[in-house]
Amino acid sequence: ISRDNAKNTVYLQMNSLKLEDTAVYYCAAHGRRYEYAYWGQ
């Protein structure tokens, strides 16, 4: 996982993918204590 602060973007580089990695992947944003969550589609 990495981020680009200038672009307000977070990335997930996934290598050596396995069959069990199959899923819907969601991005989320939280406060410092996980007091809220915003979710991507």
All heavy atoms as atom14 arrays in JSON, in Angstrom:
{
  "sequence": "ISRDNAKNTVYLQMNSLKLEDTAVYYCAAHGRRYEYAYWGQ",
  "atom14_mask": [
    [1, 1, 1, 1, 1, 1, 1, 1, 0, 0, 0, 0, 0, 0],
    [1, 1, 1, 1, 1, 1, 0, 0, 0, 0, 0, 0, 0, 0],
    [1, 1, 1, 1, 1, 1, 1, 1, 1, 1, 1, 0, 0, 0],
    [1, 1, 1, 1, 1, 1, 1, 1, 0, 0, 0, 0, 0, 0],
    [1, 1, 1, 1, 1, 1, 1, 1, 0, 0, 0, 0, 0, 0],
    [1, 1, 1, 1, 1, 0, 0, 0, 0, 0, 0, 0, 0, 0],
    [1, 1, 1, 1, 1, 1, 1, 1, 1, 0, 0, 0, 0, 0],
    [1, 1, 1, 1, 1, 1, 1, 1, 0, 0, 0, 0, 0, 0],
    [1, 1, 1, 1, 1, 1, 1, 0, 0, 0, 0, 0, 0, 0],
    [1, 1, 1, 1, 1, 1, 1, 0, 0, 0, 0, 0, 0, 0],
    [1, 1, 1, 1, 1, 1, 1, 1, 1, 1, 1, 1, 0, 0],
    [1, 1, 1, 1, 1, 1, 1, 1, 0, 0, 0, 0, 0, 0],
    [1, 1, 1, 1, 1, 1, 1, 1, 1, 0, 0, 0, 0, 0],
    [1, 1, 1, 1, 1, 1, 1, 1, 0, 0, 0, 0, 0, 0],
    [1, 1, 1, 1, 1, 1, 1, 1, 0, 0, 0, 0, 0, 0],
    [1, 1, 1, 1, 1, 1, 0, 0, 0, 0, 0, 0, 0, 0],
    [1, 1, 1, 1, 1, 1, 1, 1, 0, 0, 0, 0, 0, 0],
    [1, 1, 1, 1, 1, 1, 1, 1, 1, 0, 0, 0, 0, 0],
    [1, 1, 1, 1, 1, 1, 1, 1, 0, 0, 0, 0, 0, 0],
    [1, 1, 1, 1, 1, 1, 1, 1, 1, 0, 0, 0, 0, 0],
    [1, 1, 1, 1, 1, 1, 1, 1, 0, 0, 0, 0, 0, 0],
    [1, 1, 1, 1, 1, 1, 1, 0, 0, 0, 0, 0, 0, 0],
    [1, 1, 1, 1, 1, 0, 0, 0, 0, 0, 0, 0, 0, 0],
    [1, 1, 1, 1, 1, 1, 1, 0, 0, 0, 0, 0, 0, 0],
    [1, 1, 1, 1, 1, 1, 1, 1, 1, 1, 1, 1, 0, 0],
    [1, 1, 1, 1, 1, 1, 1, 1, 1, 1, 1, 1, 0, 0],
    [1, 1, 1, 1, 1, 1, 0, 0, 0, 0, 0, 0, 0, 0],
    [1, 1, 1, 1, 1, 0, 0, 0, 0, 0, 0, 0, 0, 0],
    [1, 1, 1, 1, 1, 0, 0, 0, 0, 0, 0, 0, 0, 0],
    [1, 1, 1, 1, 1, 1, 1, 1, 1, 1, 0, 0, 0, 0],
    [1, 1, 1, 1, 0, 0, 0, 0, 0, 0, 0, 0, 0, 0],
    [1, 1, 1, 1, 1, 1, 1, 1, 1, 1, 1, 0, 0, 0],
    [1, 1, 1, 1, 1, 1, 1, 1, 1, 1, 1, 0, 0, 0],
    [1, 1, 1, 1, 1, 1, 1, 1, 1, 1, 1, 1, 0, 0],
    [1, 1, 1, 1, 1, 1, 1, 1, 1, 0, 0, 0, 0, 0],
    [1, 1, 1, 1, 1, 1, 1, 1, 1, 1, 1, 1, 0, 0],
    [1, 1, 1, 1, 1, 0, 0, 0, 0, 0, 0, 0, 0, 0],
    [1, 1, 1, 1, 1, 1, 1, 1, 1, 1, 1, 1, 0, 0],
    [1, 1, 1, 1, 1, 1, 1, 1, 1, 1, 1, 1, 1, 1],
    [1, 1, 1, 1, 0, 0, 0, 0, 0, 0, 0, 0, 0, 0],
    [1, 1, 1, 1, 1, 1, 1, 1, 1, 0, 0, 0, 0, 0]
  ],
  "atom14_positions": [
    [[0.85, -1.18, 0.0], [0.0, 0.0, 0.0], [0.89, 1.23, 0.0], [1.92, 1.27, 0.67], [-0.97, 0.0, 1.2], [-1.99, 1.14, 1.08], [-0.22, 0.07, 2.52], [-3.12, 1.06, 2.1], [0.0, 0.0, 0.0], [0.0, 0.0, 0.0], [0.0, 0.0, 0.0], [0.0, 0.0, 0.0], [0.0, 0.0, 0.0], [0.0, 0.0, 0.0]],
    [[0.5, 2.23, -0.76], [1.27, 3.46, -0.83], [0.32, 4.62, -1.08], [-0.87, 4.43, -1.32], [2.34, 3.39, -1.92], [1.75, 3.2, -3.2], [0.0, 0.0, 0.0], [0.0, 0.0, 0.0], [0.0, 0.0, 0.0], [0.0, 0.0, 0.0], [0.0, 0.0, 0.0], [0.0, 0.0, 0.0], [0.0, 0.0, 0.0], [0.0, 0.0, 0.0]],
    [[0.85, 5.82, -1.01], [0.02, 7.0, -1.21], [0.77, 8.08, -1.95], [2.0, 8.14, -1.92], [-0.47, 7.53, 0.14], [0.68, 8.01, 1.03], [0.2, 8.59, 2.32], [1.31, 9.16, 3.07], [1.18, 9.93, 4.12], [-0.03, 10.24, 4.56], [2.25, 10.4, 4.73], [0.0, 0.0, 0.0], [0.0, 0.0, 0.0], [0.0, 0.0, 0.0]],
    [[0.02, 8.93, -2.59], [0.54, 10.12, -3.24], [-0.24, 11.28, -2.64], [-1.38, 11.52, -3.02], [0.37, 10.04, -4.75], [0.99, 11.22, -5.48], [1.13, 12.3, -4.89], [1.36, 11.06, -6.66], [0.0, 0.0, 0.0], [0.0, 0.0, 0.0], [0.0, 0.0, 0.0], [0.0, 0.0, 0.0], [0.0, 0.0, 0.0], [0.0, 0.0, 0.0]],
    [[0.37, 11.98, -1.7], [-0.33, 13.05, -1.0], [-0.76, 14.18, -1.92], [-1.83, 14.77, -1.73], [0.55, 13.6, 0.13], [0.71, 12.64, 1.27], [-0.17, 11.82, 1.54], [1.83, 12.74, 1.97], [0.0, 0.0, 0.0], [0.0, 0.0, 0.0], [0.0, 0.0, 0.0], [0.0, 0.0, 0.0], [0.0, 0.0, 0.0], [0.0, 0.0, 0.0]],
    [[0.05, 14.49, -2.91], [-0.28, 15.57, -3.83], [-1.54, 15.27, -4.61], [-2.29, 16.18, -4.98], [0.89, 15.83, -4.78], [0.0, 0.0, 0.0], [0.0, 0.0, 0.0], [0.0, 0.0, 0.0], [0.0, 0.0, 0.0], [0.0, 0.0, 0.0], [0.0, 0.0, 0.0], [0.0, 0.0, 0.0], [0.0, 0.0, 0.0], [0.0, 0.0, 0.0]],
    [[-1.78, 14.0, -4.88], [-2.95, 13.6, -5.65], [-4.08, 13.06, -4.77], [-5.13, 12.67, -5.29], [-2.57, 12.53, -6.67], [-1.59, 13.0, -7.73], [-1.26, 11.89, -8.7], [-0.3, 12.35, -9.78], [0.03, 11.26, -10.73], [0.0, 0.0, 0.0], [0.0, 0.0, 0.0], [0.0, 0.0, 0.0], [0.0, 0.0, 0.0], [0.0, 0.0, 0.0]],
    [[-3.87, 13.04, -3.46], [-4.85, 12.46, -2.53], [-5.28, 11.07, -2.99], [-6.46, 10.74, -3.01], [-6.07, 13.37, -2.39], [-5.75, 14.66, -1.66], [-5.0, 14.66, -0.69], [-6.32, 15.75, -2.13], [0.0, 0.0, 0.0], [0.0, 0.0, 0.0], [0.0, 0.0, 0.0], [0.0, 0.0, 0.0], [0.0, 0.0, 0.0], [0.0, 0.0, 0.0]],
    [[-4.3, 10.29, -3.33], [-4.56, 8.98, -3.9], [-3.78, 7.91, -3.14], [-2.63, 8.12, -2.77], [-4.16, 8.94, -5.38], [-4.93, 9.91, -6.1], [-4.42, 7.57, -5.99], [0.0, 0.0, 0.0], [0.0, 0.0, 0.0], [0.0, 0.0, 0.0], [0.0, 0.0, 0.0], [0.0, 0.0, 0.0], [0.0, 0.0, 0.0], [0.0, 0.0, 0.0]],
    [[-4.43, 6.79, -2.91], [-3.8, 5.64, -2.29], [-3.81, 4.5, -3.3], [-4.75, 4.35, -4.09], [-4.5, 5.24, -0.98], [-5.94, 4.82, -1.22], [-3.72, 4.15, -0.26], [0.0, 0.0, 0.0], [0.0, 0.0, 0.0], [0.0, 0.0, 0.0], [0.0, 0.0, 0.0], [0.0, 0.0, 0.0], [0.0, 0.0, 0.0], [0.0, 0.0, 0.0]],
    [[-2.76, 3.69, -3.27], [-2.6, 2.61, -4.21], [-2.45, 1.29, -3.48], [-2.03, 1.23, -2.33], [-1.36, 2.82, -5.08], [-1.33, 4.13, -5.81], [-0.68, 5.24, -5.27], [-1.95, 4.28, -7.05], [-0.64, 6.45, -5.94], [-1.93, 5.48, -7.73], [-1.27, 6.56, -7.17], [-1.24, 7.76, -7.84], [0.0, 0.0, 0.0], [0.0, 0.0, 0.0]],
    [[-2.79, 0.24, -4.16], [-2.5, -1.1, -3.68], [-1.87, -1.88, -4.82], [-2.55, -2.23, -5.8], [-3.77, -1.81, -3.2], [-3.54, -3.18, -2.56], [-2.81, -3.03, -1.23], [-4.86, -3.91, -2.36], [0.0, 0.0, 0.0], [0.0, 0.0, 0.0], [0.0, 0.0, 0.0], [0.0, 0.0, 0.0], [0.0, 0.0, 0.0], [0.0, 0.0, 0.0]],
    [[-0.58, -2.12, -4.7], [0.13, -2.93, -5.66], [0.02, -4.38, -5.23], [0.44, -4.74, -4.13], [1.6, -2.52, -5.75], [2.43, -3.35, -6.71], [2.03, -3.16, -8.15], [1.86, -2.03, -8.61], [1.84, -4.25, -8.87], [0.0, 0.0, 0.0], [0.0, 0.0, 0.0], [0.0, 0.0, 0.0], [0.0, 0.0, 0.0], [0.0, 0.0, 0.0]],
    [[-0.54, -5.21, -6.08], [-0.78, -6.61, -5.76], [0.06, -7.47, -6.69], [-0.16, -7.47, -7.9], [-2.26, -6.95, -5.9], [-3.17, -6.07, -5.06], [-4.91, -6.58, -5.14], [-5.25, -6.22, -6.86], [0.0, 0.0, 0.0], [0.0, 0.0, 0.0], [0.0, 0.0, 0.0], [0.0, 0.0, 0.0], [0.0, 0.0, 0.0], [0.0, 0.0, 0.0]],
    [[0.99, -8.19, -6.12], [1.86, -9.07, -6.88], [1.63, -10.52, -6.45], [1.06, -10.79, -5.4], [3.33, -8.71, -6.66], [3.68, -7.32, -7.13], [3.13, -6.82, -8.11], [4.63, -6.68, -6.45], [0.0, 0.0, 0.0], [0.0, 0.0, 0.0], [0.0, 0.0, 0.0], [0.0, 0.0, 0.0], [0.0, 0.0, 0.0], [0.0, 0.0, 0.0]],
    [[2.1, -11.43, -7.28], [1.98, -12.86, -6.99], [0.56, -13.23, -6.59], [0.32, -13.92, -5.6], [2.97, -13.25, -5.88], [4.3, -12.95, -6.25], [0.0, 0.0, 0.0], [0.0, 0.0, 0.0], [0.0, 0.0, 0.0], [0.0, 0.0, 0.0], [0.0, 0.0, 0.0], [0.0, 0.0, 0.0], [0.0, 0.0, 0.0], [0.0, 0.0, 0.0]],
    [[-0.38, -12.79, -7.38], [-1.79, -12.98, -7.04], [-2.16, -14.45, -7.03], [-1.69, -15.24, -7.85], [-2.67, -12.22, -8.02], [-2.74, -10.71, -7.76], [-3.23, -9.96, -8.99], [-3.65, -10.42, -6.56], [0.0, 0.0, 0.0], [0.0, 0.0, 0.0], [0.0, 0.0, 0.0], [0.0, 0.0, 0.0], [0.0, 0.0, 0.0], [0.0, 0.0, 0.0]],
    [[-3.01, -14.79, -6.08], [-3.51, -16.15, -5.91], [-5.01, -16.19, -6.15], [-5.69, -15.17, -6.07], [-3.21, -16.64, -4.49], [-1.76, -16.57, -4.08], [-1.6, -16.95, -2.61], [-0.15, -16.9, -2.17], [-0.01, -17.25, -0.73], [0.0, 0.0, 0.0], [0.0, 0.0, 0.0], [0.0, 0.0, 0.0], [0.0, 0.0, 0.0], [0.0, 0.0, 0.0]],
    [[-5.52, -17.37, -6.42], [-6.95, -17.52, -6.63], [-7.75, -16.98, -5.45], [-8.82, -16.38, -5.65], [-7.31, -18.98, -6.88], [-7.35, -19.44, -8.33], [-5.97, -19.31, -8.99], [-7.84, -20.89, -8.43], [0.0, 0.0, 0.0], [0.0, 0.0, 0.0], [0.0, 0.0, 0.0], [0.0, 0.0, 0.0], [0.0, 0.0, 0.0], [0.0, 0.0, 0.0]],
    [[-7.26, -17.18, -4.24], [-7.97, -16.73, -3.06], [-7.97, -15.23, -2.87], [-8.62, -14.72, -1.95], [-7.42, -17.42, -1.8], [-5.92, -17.31, -1.67], [-5.18, -18.54, -2.18], [-5.56, -19.06, -3.24], [-4.23, -18.98, -1.5], [0.0, 0.0, 0.0], [0.0, 0.0, 0.0], [0.0, 0.0, 0.0], [0.0, 0.0, 0.0], [0.0, 0.0, 0.0]],
    [[-7.24, -14.51, -3.7], [-7.3, -13.05, -3.67], [-8.52, -12.5, -4.41], [-8.78, -11.3, -4.35], [-6.04, -12.44, -4.29], [-4.79, -12.73, -3.48], [-4.85, -12.66, -2.24], [-3.74, -13.03, -4.1], [0.0, 0.0, 0.0], [0.0, 0.0, 0.0], [0.0, 0.0, 0.0], [0.0, 0.0, 0.0], [0.0, 0.0, 0.0], [0.0, 0.0, 0.0]],
    [[-9.24, -13.35, -5.09], [-10.43, -12.92, -5.81], [-11.45, -12.33, -4.85], [-11.85, -12.98, -3.88], [-11.05, -14.08, -6.58], [-10.15, -14.51, -7.6], [-12.36, -13.67, -7.23], [0.0, 0.0, 0.0], [0.0, 0.0, 0.0], [0.0, 0.0, 0.0], [0.0, 0.0, 0.0], [0.0, 0.0, 0.0], [0.0, 0.0, 0.0], [0.0, 0.0, 0.0]],
    [[-11.87, -11.1, -5.1], [-12.79, -10.4, -4.22], [-13.12, -9.04, -4.81], [-12.48, -8.6, -5.78], [-12.19, -10.21, -2.82], [0.0, 0.0, 0.0], [0.0, 0.0, 0.0], [0.0, 0.0, 0.0], [0.0, 0.0, 0.0], [0.0, 0.0, 0.0], [0.0, 0.0, 0.0], [0.0, 0.0, 0.0], [0.0, 0.0, 0.0], [0.0, 0.0, 0.0]],
    [[-14.11, -8.39, -4.23], [-14.32, -6.97, -4.49], [-13.45, -6.21, -3.5], [-13.53, -6.44, -2.29], [-15.79, -6.56, -4.34], [-15.94, -5.06, -4.54], [-16.65, -7.33, -5.33], [0.0, 0.0, 0.0], [0.0, 0.0, 0.0], [0.0, 0.0, 0.0], [0.0, 0.0, 0.0], [0.0, 0.0, 0.0], [0.0, 0.0, 0.0], [0.0, 0.0, 0.0]],
    [[-12.63, -5.33, -4.0], [-11.73, -4.55, -3.18], [-12.28, -3.15, -2.98], [-12.68, -2.48, -3.94], [-10.34, -4.48, -3.82], [-9.56, -5.76, -3.65], [-9.93, -6.91, -4.34], [-8.47, -5.83, -2.78], [-9.24, -8.09, -4.17], [-7.77, -7.0, -2.61], [-8.16, -8.14, -3.31], [-7.45, -9.31, -3.14], [0.0, 0.0, 0.0], [0.0, 0.0, 0.0]],
    [[-12.31, -2.71, -1.73], [-12.86, -1.42, -1.36], [-11.8, -0.53, -0.74], [-11.02, -0.99, 0.1], [-14.0, -1.57, -0.35], [-15.2, -2.33, -0.86], [-15.3, -3.71, -0.67], [-16.23, -1.68, -1.53], [-16.39, -4.41, -1.13], [-17.32, -2.38, -1.99], [-17.4, -3.74, -1.79], [-18.49, -4.43, -2.24], [0.0, 0.0, 0.0], [0.0, 0.0, 0.0]],
    [[-11.81, 0.7, -1.11], [-10.99, 1.72, -0.47], [-11.8, 2.38, 0.63], [-13.0, 2.58, 0.49], [-10.55, 2.75, -1.51], [-9.56, 4.11, -0.87], [0.0, 0.0, 0.0], [0.0, 0.0, 0.0], [0.0, 0.0, 0.0], [0.0, 0.0, 0.0], [0.0, 0.0, 0.0], [0.0, 0.0, 0.0], [0.0, 0.0, 0.0], [0.0, 0.0, 0.0]],
    [[-11.14, 2.74, 1.73], [-11.81, 3.41, 2.83], [-10.92, 4.49, 3.42], [-9.69, 4.38, 3.4], [-12.21, 2.42, 3.93], [0.0, 0.0, 0.0], [0.0, 0.0, 0.0], [0.0, 0.0, 0.0], [0.0, 0.0, 0.0], [0.0, 0.0, 0.0], [0.0, 0.0, 0.0], [0.0, 0.0, 0.0], [0.0, 0.0, 0.0], [0.0, 0.0, 0.0]],
    [[-11.56, 5.53, 3.95], [-10.87, 6.61, 4.63], [-11.39, 6.7, 6.05], [-12.61, 6.65, 6.28], [-11.07, 7.93, 3.9], [0.0, 0.0, 0.0], [0.0, 0.0, 0.0], [0.0, 0.0, 0.0], [0.0, 0.0, 0.0], [0.0, 0.0, 0.0], [0.0, 0.0, 0.0], [0.0, 0.0, 0.0], [0.0, 0.0, 0.0], [0.0, 0.0, 0.0]],
    [[-10.49, 6.85, 7.02], [-10.84, 6.87, 8.43], [-10.17, 8.02, 9.16], [-9.13, 8.52, 8.74], [-10.4, 5.58, 9.14], [-10.84, 4.32, 8.5], [-12.11, 3.83, 8.64], [-10.16, 3.44, 7.72], [-12.21, 2.68, 7.98], [-11.03, 2.43, 7.41], [0.0, 0.0, 0.0], [0.0, 0.0, 0.0], [0.0, 0.0, 0.0], [0.0, 0.0, 0.0]],
    [[-10.76, 8.4, 10.3], [-10.07, 9.24, 11.24], [-9.03, 8.43, 12.0], [-8.93, 7.21, 11.86], [0.0, 0.0, 0.0], [0.0, 0.0, 0.0], [0.0, 0.0, 0.0], [0.0, 0.0, 0.0], [0.0, 0.0, 0.0], [0.0, 0.0, 0.0], [0.0, 0.0, 0.0], [0.0, 0.0, 0.0], [0.0, 0.0, 0.0], [0.0, 0.0, 0.0]],
    [[-8.27, 9.11, 12.83], [-7.15, 8.47, 13.49], [-7.54, 7.34, 14.42], [-6.71, 6.49, 14.74], [-6.31, 9.52, 14.24], [-7.04, 10.2, 15.38], [-6.27, 11.41, 15.87], [-4.89, 11.1, 16.2], [-3.95, 12.0, 16.43], [-4.24, 13.29, 16.35], [-2.73, 11.62, 16.74], [0.0, 0.0, 0.0], [0.0, 0.0, 0.0], [0.0, 0.0, 0.0]],
    [[-8.76, 7.34, 14.88], [-9.26, 6.28, 15.76], [-10.35, 5.45, 15.1], [-11.14, 4.8, 15.79], [-9.75, 6.88, 17.07], [-8.66, 7.55, 17.9], [-9.23, 8.15, 19.18], [-10.16, 9.23, 18.88], [-9.81, 10.47, 18.61], [-8.52, 10.81, 18.58], [-10.72, 11.38, 18.34], [0.0, 0.0, 0.0], [0.0, 0.0, 0.0], [0.0, 0.0, 0.0]],
    [[-10.39, 5.47, 13.79], [-11.39, 4.73, 13.04], [-12.8, 5.14, 13.46], [-13.73, 4.32, 13.42], [-11.21, 3.23, 13.2], [-9.95, 2.69, 12.58], [-8.76, 2.66, 13.29], [-9.94, 2.21, 11.27], [-7.59, 2.18, 12.72], [-8.79, 1.72, 10.7], [-7.62, 1.71, 11.43], [-6.46, 1.22, 10.86], [0.0, 0.0, 0.0], [0.0, 0.0, 0.0]],
    [[-12.98, 6.4, 13.82], [-14.27, 6.87, 14.29], [-15.28, 7.05, 13.17], [-16.47, 7.21, 13.43], [-14.12, 8.17, 15.1], [-13.64, 9.36, 14.28], [-12.13, 9.52, 14.28], [-11.42, 8.49, 14.28], [-11.66, 10.67, 14.3], [0.0, 0.0, 0.0], [0.0, 0.0, 0.0], [0.0, 0.0, 0.0], [0.0, 0.0, 0.0], [0.0, 0.0, 0.0]],
    [[-14.82, 7.05, 11.95], [-15.71, 7.11, 10.81], [-15.1, 6.35, 9.66], [-13.91, 6.01, 9.68], [-16.02, 8.56, 10.39], [-14.8, 9.37, 9.98], [-14.24, 9.22, 8.72], [-14.23, 10.28, 10.85], [-13.12, 9.94, 8.35], [-13.11, 11.02, 10.49], [-12.56, 10.84, 9.23], [-11.45, 11.57, 8.87], [0.0, 0.0, 0.0], [0.0, 0.0, 0.0]],
    [[-15.91, 6.11, 8.66], [-15.42, 5.43, 7.46], [-16.16, 5.96, 6.24], [-17.38, 6.05, 6.24], [-15.61, 3.92, 7.57], [0.0, 0.0, 0.0], [0.0, 0.0, 0.0], [0.0, 0.0, 0.0], [0.0, 0.0, 0.0], [0.0, 0.0, 0.0], [0.0, 0.0, 0.0], [0.0, 0.0, 0.0], [0.0, 0.0, 0.0], [0.0, 0.0, 0.0]],
    [[-15.42, 6.33, 5.24], [-15.96, 6.62, 3.93], [-15.49, 5.52, 3.0], [-14.33, 5.1, 3.06], [-15.48, 7.98, 3.42], [-15.96, 9.15, 4.23], [-15.17, 9.7, 5.22], [-17.21, 9.72, 3.98], [-15.62, 10.78, 5.97], [-17.66, 10.8, 4.72], [-16.85, 11.33, 5.72], [-17.29, 12.41, 6.44], [0.0, 0.0, 0.0], [0.0, 0.0, 0.0]],
    [[-16.37, 5.09, 2.13], [-16.09, 3.94, 1.3], [-16.17, 4.26, -0.17], [-17.02, 5.04, -0.61], [-17.08, 2.81, 1.6], [-16.95, 2.28, 2.99], [-17.66, 2.66, 4.08], [-16.04, 1.28, 3.44], [-17.25, 1.95, 5.18], [-16.26, 1.1, 4.81], [-15.06, 0.51, 2.8], [-15.53, 0.18, 5.57], [-14.34, -0.39, 3.54], [-14.58, -0.55, 4.92]],
    [[-15.3, 3.64, -0.93], [-15.4, 3.69, -2.37], [-16.44, 2.7, -2.87], [-17.07, 1.97, -2.1], [0.0, 0.0, 0.0], [0.0, 0.0, 0.0], [0.0, 0.0, 0.0], [0.0, 0.0, 0.0], [0.0, 0.0, 0.0], [0.0, 0.0, 0.0], [0.0, 0.0, 0.0], [0.0, 0.0, 0.0], [0.0, 0.0, 0.0], [0.0, 0.0, 0.0]],
    [[-16.62, 2.68, -4.16], [-17.65, 1.84, -4.76], [-17.25, 0.39, -4.89], [-18.1, -0.48, -5.11], [-18.03, 2.39, -6.15], [-17.05, 2.06, -7.27], [-15.8, 2.91, -7.27], [-15.59, 3.77, -6.41], [-14.93, 2.67, -8.27], [0.0, 0.0, 0.0], [0.0, 0.0, 0.0], [0.0, 0.0, 0.0], [0.0, 0.0, 0.0], [0.0, 0.0, 0.0]]
  ]
}
